[in-house]
């Protein structure tokens, strides 16, 4: 039980590190929460700073937060799905709702890619493919994010188990991986709730 609690704490505190907020403060002397969409993520960082270097730096740092979370928990407690999954979800929550920024954070896409880079990179491939198809069809960033997030678990469900077993870490089976994918996708959809509401309003 202590392992689970510590894993959750590690995930939250690594995930909540305010990389975008600090970089924008240092480079543009602005509070990213009060600029653009108010989201502390890669896209808004670029919009606020108009700097590809700063935007990419935020992307890499947020991705590394996800990687660091899983590697830290696995180092402390061994390769166990339960502790890894708890830390992964907690890191995404920490990124999206950081206590240091009054719970106003990002949307969780980059840090999700980070945790999945360690736990199952095929999720990233599925998400990018679905995003690419959606963006080519609709030319709308947030809509494509939402569609890709909804469809990624379905793509993984349809992926043959004999393929997944060669891709996933030995301690994670297909069923557990699918549960994790659905959990992180739910967290991503919650972080896009404002955009989902806008889409429904436009359809009325």
C-alpha atoms as a PDB file:
ATOM      1  CA  UNK A   1       0.000   0.000   0.000  1.00  0.00           C
ATOM      2  CA  UNK A   2       2.853   2.402   0.814  1.00  0.00           C
ATOM      3  CA  UNK A   3       4.327   1.734  -2.628  1.00  0.00           C
ATOM      4  CA  UNK A   4       1.100   2.889  -4.273  1.00  0.00           C
ATOM      5  CA  UNK A   5       0.868   6.041  -2.188  1.00  0.00           C
ATOM      6  CA  UNK A   6       4.489   6.981  -2.834  1.00  0.00           C
ATOM      7  CA  UNK A   7       4.078   6.262  -6.556  1.00  0.00           C
ATOM      8  CA  UNK A   8       1.102   8.612  -6.692  1.00  0.00           C
ATOM      9  CA  UNK A   9       3.049  11.338  -4.873  1.00  0.00           C
ATOM     10  CA  UNK A  10       6.076  10.939  -7.141  1.00  0.00           C
ATOM     11  CA  UNK A  11       3.885  11.095 -10.222  1.00  0.00           C
ATOM     12  CA  UNK A  12       2.038  14.185  -9.076  1.00  0.00           C
ATOM     13  CA  UNK A  13       5.078  16.188  -8.000  1.00  0.00           C
ATOM     14  CA  UNK A  14       7.151  15.395 -11.091  1.00  0.00           C
ATOM     15  CA  UNK A  15       4.155  16.001 -13.331  1.00  0.00           C
ATOM     16  CA  UNK A  16       3.295  19.278 -11.621  1.00  0.00           C
ATOM     17  CA  UNK A  17       6.688  20.860 -12.304  1.00  0.00           C
ATOM     18  CA  UNK A  18       5.627  24.094 -14.116  1.00  0.00           C
ATOM     19  CA  UNK A  19       8.013  23.947 -17.073  1.00  0.00           C
ATOM     20  CA  UNK A  20       5.955  26.112 -19.455  1.00  0.00           C
ATOM     21  CA  UNK A  21       5.168  28.686 -16.778  1.00  0.00           C
ATOM     22  CA  UNK A  22       8.829  29.067 -15.788  1.00  0.00           C
ATOM     23  CA  UNK A  23      10.188  29.182 -19.343  1.00  0.00           C
ATOM     24  CA  UNK A  24       7.662  31.781 -20.470  1.00  0.00           C
ATOM     25  CA  UNK A  25       8.391  33.844 -17.360  1.00  0.00           C
ATOM     26  CA  UNK A  26      12.136  33.684 -18.039  1.00  0.00           C
ATOM     27  CA  UNK A  27      12.008  34.320 -21.786  1.00  0.00           C
ATOM     28  CA  UNK A  28       8.964  36.546 -22.312  1.00  0.00           C
ATOM     29  CA  UNK A  29       8.370  37.954 -18.810  1.00  0.00           C
ATOM     30  CA  UNK A  30       4.721  36.905 -19.063  1.00  0.00           C
ATOM     31  CA  UNK A  31       2.341  34.748 -17.030  1.00  0.00           C
ATOM     32  CA  UNK A  32       1.240  32.106 -19.547  1.00  0.00           C
ATOM     33  CA  UNK A  33      -1.934  31.509 -17.540  1.00  0.00           C
ATOM     34  CA  UNK A  34      -3.061  35.025 -18.455  1.00  0.00           C
ATOM     35  CA  UNK A  35      -2.053  34.852 -22.123  1.00  0.00           C
ATOM     36  CA  UNK A  36      -3.572  33.120 -25.136  1.00  0.00           C
ATOM     37  CA  UNK A  37      -5.687  30.153 -24.105  1.00  0.00           C
ATOM     38  CA  UNK A  38      -4.254  30.230 -20.581  1.00  0.00           C
ATOM     39  CA  UNK A  39      -3.050  26.636 -20.951  1.00  0.00           C
ATOM     40  CA  UNK A  40       0.488  25.854 -19.801  1.00  0.00           C
ATOM     41  CA  UNK A  41       1.337  23.665 -22.753  1.00  0.00           C
ATOM     42  CA  UNK A  42       3.490  23.601 -25.870  1.00  0.00           C
ATOM     43  CA  UNK A  43       1.079  25.229 -28.310  1.00  0.00           C
ATOM     44  CA  UNK A  44       0.159  28.123 -26.041  1.00  0.00           C
ATOM     45  CA  UNK A  45       3.827  28.609 -25.158  1.00  0.00           C
ATOM     46  CA  UNK A  46       4.600  29.075 -28.844  1.00  0.00           C
ATOM     47  CA  UNK A  47       1.621  31.381 -29.315  1.00  0.00           C
ATOM     48  CA  UNK A  48       2.646  33.548 -26.373  1.00  0.00           C
ATOM     49  CA  UNK A  49       6.409  33.673 -27.018  1.00  0.00           C
ATOM     50  CA  UNK A  50       6.397  33.273 -30.820  1.00  0.00           C
ATOM     51  CA  UNK A  51       9.530  31.192 -30.287  1.00  0.00           C
ATOM     52  CA  UNK A  52       9.913  27.701 -31.723  1.00  0.00           C
ATOM     53  CA  UNK A  53      12.877  27.112 -29.426  1.00  0.00           C
ATOM     54  CA  UNK A  54      10.860  27.851 -26.298  1.00  0.00           C
ATOM     55  CA  UNK A  55       7.864  25.873 -27.555  1.00  0.00           C
ATOM     56  CA  UNK A  56       9.974  22.826 -28.387  1.00  0.00           C
ATOM     57  CA  UNK A  57      11.794  23.140 -25.057  1.00  0.00           C
ATOM     58  CA  UNK A  58       8.465  22.946 -23.222  1.00  0.00           C
ATOM     59  CA  UNK A  59       7.441  19.944 -25.320  1.00  0.00           C
ATOM     60  CA  UNK A  60      10.675  18.101 -24.514  1.00  0.00           C
ATOM     61  CA  UNK A  61      10.582  18.972 -20.813  1.00  0.00           C
ATOM     62  CA  UNK A  62       6.963  17.857 -20.452  1.00  0.00           C
ATOM     63  CA  UNK A  63       7.737  14.624 -22.279  1.00  0.00           C
ATOM     64  CA  UNK A  64      10.748  14.045 -20.030  1.00  0.00           C
ATOM     65  CA  UNK A  65       8.554  14.560 -16.941  1.00  0.00           C
ATOM     66  CA  UNK A  66       6.544  11.543 -18.040  1.00  0.00           C
ATOM     67  CA  UNK A  67       9.635   9.450 -18.735  1.00  0.00           C
ATOM     68  CA  UNK A  68      11.242  10.462 -15.420  1.00  0.00           C
ATOM     69  CA  UNK A  69       8.097   9.561 -13.481  1.00  0.00           C
ATOM     70  CA  UNK A  70       7.993   5.967 -14.706  1.00  0.00           C
ATOM     71  CA  UNK A  71      11.744   5.401 -14.515  1.00  0.00           C
ATOM     72  CA  UNK A  72      11.841   6.734 -10.944  1.00  0.00           C
ATOM     73  CA  UNK A  73       8.957   4.572  -9.736  1.00  0.00           C
ATOM     74  CA  UNK A  74      10.321   1.488 -11.492  1.00  0.00           C
ATOM     75  CA  UNK A  75      13.750   2.100  -9.961  1.00  0.00           C
ATOM     76  CA  UNK A  76      12.274   2.374  -6.463  1.00  0.00           C
ATOM     77  CA  UNK A  77       9.677  -0.388  -6.575  1.00  0.00           C
ATOM     78  CA  UNK A  78      10.588  -2.596  -9.516  1.00  0.00           C
ATOM     79  CA  UNK A  79       8.680  -3.164 -12.720  1.00  0.00           C
ATOM     80  CA  UNK A  80       5.098  -3.536 -11.547  1.00  0.00           C
ATOM     81  CA  UNK A  81       2.121  -2.472 -13.607  1.00  0.00           C
ATOM     82  CA  UNK A  82       0.087  -1.167 -10.673  1.00  0.00           C
ATOM     83  CA  UNK A  83       2.703   1.277  -9.369  1.00  0.00           C
ATOM     84  CA  UNK A  84       3.666   2.359 -12.892  1.00  0.00           C
ATOM     85  CA  UNK A  85       0.047   2.963 -13.892  1.00  0.00           C
ATOM     86  CA  UNK A  86      -0.741   4.917 -10.728  1.00  0.00           C
ATOM     87  CA  UNK A  87       2.341   7.071 -11.183  1.00  0.00           C
ATOM     88  CA  UNK A  88       1.514   7.648 -14.862  1.00  0.00           C
ATOM     89  CA  UNK A  89      -2.049   8.813 -14.190  1.00  0.00           C
ATOM     90  CA  UNK A  90      -0.920  10.900 -11.222  1.00  0.00           C
ATOM     91  CA  UNK A  91       1.757  12.603 -13.337  1.00  0.00           C
ATOM     92  CA  UNK A  92      -0.835  13.588 -15.946  1.00  0.00           C
ATOM     93  CA  UNK A  93      -3.124  14.927 -13.217  1.00  0.00           C
ATOM     94  CA  UNK A  94      -0.205  16.837 -11.689  1.00  0.00           C
ATOM     95  CA  UNK A  95       0.618  18.392 -15.047  1.00  0.00           C
ATOM     96  CA  UNK A  96      -2.991  19.338 -15.759  1.00  0.00           C
ATOM     97  CA  UNK A  97      -3.780  20.540 -12.228  1.00  0.00           C
ATOM     98  CA  UNK A  98      -0.516  21.680 -10.563  1.00  0.00           C
ATOM     99  CA  UNK A  99      -0.901  22.902  -6.999  1.00  0.00           C
ATOM    100  CA  UNK A 100       1.877  25.456  -7.612  1.00  0.00           C
ATOM    101  CA  UNK A 101      -0.211  27.228 -10.287  1.00  0.00           C
ATOM    102  CA  UNK A 102      -3.552  27.097  -8.466  1.00  0.00           C
ATOM    103  CA  UNK A 103      -4.441  23.911 -10.384  1.00  0.00           C
ATOM    104  CA  UNK A 104      -4.299  25.650 -13.772  1.00  0.00           C
ATOM    105  CA  UNK A 105      -2.009  23.618 -16.015  1.00  0.00           C
ATOM    106  CA  UNK A 106      -1.795  21.982 -19.415  1.00  0.00           C
ATOM    107  CA  UNK A 107      -3.831  19.487 -21.372  1.00  0.00           C
ATOM    108  CA  UNK A 108      -1.478  16.554 -20.738  1.00  0.00           C
ATOM    109  CA  UNK A 109      -0.606  15.470 -24.273  1.00  0.00           C
ATOM    110  CA  UNK A 110       3.181  15.705 -24.010  1.00  0.00           C
ATOM    111  CA  UNK A 111       3.468  14.153 -20.548  1.00  0.00           C
ATOM    112  CA  UNK A 112       1.161  11.343 -21.654  1.00  0.00           C
ATOM    113  CA  UNK A 113       3.532  10.697 -24.553  1.00  0.00           C
ATOM    114  CA  UNK A 114       6.356  10.584 -22.024  1.00  0.00           C
ATOM    115  CA  UNK A 115       4.811   7.947 -19.770  1.00  0.00           C
ATOM    116  CA  UNK A 116       3.695   5.906 -22.775  1.00  0.00           C
ATOM    117  CA  UNK A 117       7.163   6.097 -24.305  1.00  0.00           C
ATOM    118  CA  UNK A 118       8.241   3.872 -21.422  1.00  0.00           C
ATOM    119  CA  UNK A 119       5.075   1.836 -20.875  1.00  0.00           C
ATOM    120  CA  UNK A 120       4.041   1.232 -24.480  1.00  0.00           C
ATOM    121  CA  UNK A 121       5.161   3.458 -27.355  1.00  0.00           C
ATOM    122  CA  UNK A 122       2.576   1.936 -29.687  1.00  0.00           C
ATOM    123  CA  UNK A 123       0.019   4.203 -27.990  1.00  0.00           C
ATOM    124  CA  UNK A 124       1.943   7.225 -29.281  1.00  0.00           C
ATOM    125  CA  UNK A 125       1.996   5.788 -32.799  1.00  0.00           C
ATOM    126  CA  UNK A 126      -1.753   5.103 -32.714  1.00  0.00           C
ATOM    127  CA  UNK A 127      -2.486   8.599 -31.406  1.00  0.00           C
ATOM    128  CA  UNK A 128      -0.284  10.339 -33.989  1.00  0.00           C
ATOM    129  CA  UNK A 129      -1.824   8.365 -36.863  1.00  0.00           C
ATOM    130  CA  UNK A 130      -5.354   9.180 -35.700  1.00  0.00           C
ATOM    131  CA  UNK A 131      -4.404  12.829 -35.189  1.00  0.00           C
ATOM    132  CA  UNK A 132      -2.838  13.042 -38.634  1.00  0.00           C
ATOM    133  CA  UNK A 133      -5.888  11.598 -40.355  1.00  0.00           C
ATOM    134  CA  UNK A 134      -8.230  13.850 -38.386  1.00  0.00           C
ATOM    135  CA  UNK A 135      -6.192  16.978 -39.037  1.00  0.00           C
ATOM    136  CA  UNK A 136      -6.008  16.280 -42.755  1.00  0.00           C
ATOM    137  CA  UNK A 137      -9.783  15.872 -42.783  1.00  0.00           C
ATOM    138  CA  UNK A 138     -10.824  18.816 -40.584  1.00  0.00           C
ATOM    139  CA  UNK A 139      -7.803  21.164 -40.294  1.00  0.00           C
ATOM    140  CA  UNK A 140      -8.717  21.830 -36.637  1.00  0.00           C
ATOM    141  CA  UNK A 141      -6.110  21.257 -33.941  1.00  0.00           C
ATOM    142  CA  UNK A 142      -8.297  20.738 -30.875  1.00  0.00           C
ATOM    143  CA  UNK A 143     -10.874  18.656 -32.725  1.00  0.00           C
ATOM    144  CA  UNK A 144      -8.092  16.436 -34.050  1.00  0.00           C
ATOM    145  CA  UNK A 145      -6.685  16.080 -30.503  1.00  0.00           C
ATOM    146  CA  UNK A 146     -10.085  14.956 -29.244  1.00  0.00           C
ATOM    147  CA  UNK A 147     -10.723  12.522 -32.107  1.00  0.00           C
ATOM    148  CA  UNK A 148      -7.258  10.991 -31.761  1.00  0.00           C
ATOM    149  CA  UNK A 149      -7.730  10.602 -28.005  1.00  0.00           C
ATOM    150  CA  UNK A 150     -11.092   8.866 -28.451  1.00  0.00           C
ATOM    151  CA  UNK A 151      -9.944   6.548 -31.248  1.00  0.00           C
ATOM    152  CA  UNK A 152      -6.492   5.549 -29.931  1.00  0.00           C
ATOM    153  CA  UNK A 153      -7.789   2.944 -27.428  1.00  0.00           C
ATOM    154  CA  UNK A 154      -9.981   1.462 -30.154  1.00  0.00           C
ATOM    155  CA  UNK A 155      -6.947   1.100 -32.433  1.00  0.00           C
ATOM    156  CA  UNK A 156      -5.072  -0.628 -29.606  1.00  0.00           C
ATOM    157  CA  UNK A 157      -7.990  -2.964 -28.904  1.00  0.00           C
ATOM    158  CA  UNK A 158      -7.927  -4.004 -32.570  1.00  0.00           C
ATOM    159  CA  UNK A 159      -4.147  -4.542 -32.549  1.00  0.00           C
ATOM    160  CA  UNK A 160      -3.363  -8.297 -32.461  1.00  0.00           C
ATOM    161  CA  UNK A 161      -2.044  -9.506 -29.113  1.00  0.00           C
ATOM    162  CA  UNK A 162       0.935 -11.256 -30.718  1.00  0.00           C
ATOM    163  CA  UNK A 163       2.115  -7.854 -31.984  1.00  0.00           C
ATOM    164  CA  UNK A 164       1.611  -6.093 -28.662  1.00  0.00           C
ATOM    165  CA  UNK A 165       3.530  -8.711 -26.707  1.00  0.00           C
ATOM    166  CA  UNK A 166       6.692  -7.878 -28.679  1.00  0.00           C
ATOM    167  CA  UNK A 167       6.216  -4.140 -28.127  1.00  0.00           C
ATOM    168  CA  UNK A 168       5.009  -3.846 -24.533  1.00  0.00           C
ATOM    169  CA  UNK A 169       7.338  -4.295 -21.535  1.00  0.00           C
ATOM    170  CA  UNK A 170       7.345  -7.871 -20.257  1.00  0.00           C
ATOM    171  CA  UNK A 171       5.503  -6.921 -17.052  1.00  0.00           C
ATOM    172  CA  UNK A 172       2.528  -5.382 -18.890  1.00  0.00           C
ATOM    173  CA  UNK A 173      -0.018  -7.553 -20.697  1.00  0.00           C
ATOM    174  CA  UNK A 174      -2.506  -6.369 -23.302  1.00  0.00           C
ATOM    175  CA  UNK A 175      -5.483  -6.133 -20.937  1.00  0.00           C
ATOM    176  CA  UNK A 176      -3.649  -3.998 -18.393  1.00  0.00           C
ATOM    177  CA  UNK A 177      -2.230  -1.805 -21.141  1.00  0.00           C
ATOM    178  CA  UNK A 178      -5.695  -1.203 -22.570  1.00  0.00           C
ATOM    179  CA  UNK A 179      -7.014  -0.233 -19.133  1.00  0.00           C
ATOM    180  CA  UNK A 180      -4.157   2.231 -18.770  1.00  0.00           C
ATOM    181  CA  UNK A 181      -4.743   3.638 -22.265  1.00  0.00           C
ATOM    182  CA  UNK A 182      -8.416   4.202 -21.491  1.00  0.00           C
ATOM    183  CA  UNK A 183      -7.554   5.884 -18.179  1.00  0.00           C
ATOM    184  CA  UNK A 184      -5.060   8.312 -19.689  1.00  0.00           C
ATOM    185  CA  UNK A 185      -7.408   9.047 -22.589  1.00  0.00           C
ATOM    186  CA  UNK A 186     -10.154   9.860 -20.089  1.00  0.00           C
ATOM    187  CA  UNK A 187      -7.812  12.302 -18.361  1.00  0.00           C
ATOM    188  CA  UNK A 188      -6.961  13.904 -21.700  1.00  0.00           C
ATOM    189  CA  UNK A 189     -10.626  14.270 -22.610  1.00  0.00           C
ATOM    190  CA  UNK A 190     -11.348  15.912 -19.255  1.00  0.00           C
ATOM    191  CA  UNK A 191      -8.565  18.419 -19.945  1.00  0.00           C
ATOM    192  CA  UNK A 192     -10.230  19.198 -23.308  1.00  0.00           C
ATOM    193  CA  UNK A 193     -13.698  19.645 -21.823  1.00  0.00           C
ATOM    194  CA  UNK A 194     -13.767  23.350 -22.711  1.00  0.00           C
ATOM    195  CA  UNK A 195     -13.033  22.553 -26.344  1.00  0.00           C
ATOM    196  CA  UNK A 196     -15.601  19.752 -26.367  1.00  0.00           C
ATOM    197  CA  UNK A 197     -18.240  22.184 -25.084  1.00  0.00           C
ATOM    198  CA  UNK A 198     -17.331  24.651 -27.847  1.00  0.00           C
ATOM    199  CA  UNK A 199     -17.726  21.959 -30.486  1.00  0.00           C
ATOM    200  CA  UNK A 200     -21.213  21.094 -29.246  1.00  0.00           C
ATOM    201  CA  UNK A 201     -22.179  24.773 -29.102  1.00  0.00           C
ATOM    202  CA  UNK A 202     -21.113  25.268 -32.721  1.00  0.00           C
ATOM    203  CA  UNK A 203     -23.236  22.309 -33.810  1.00  0.00           C
ATOM    204  CA  UNK A 204     -26.414  23.803 -32.304  1.00  0.00           C
END
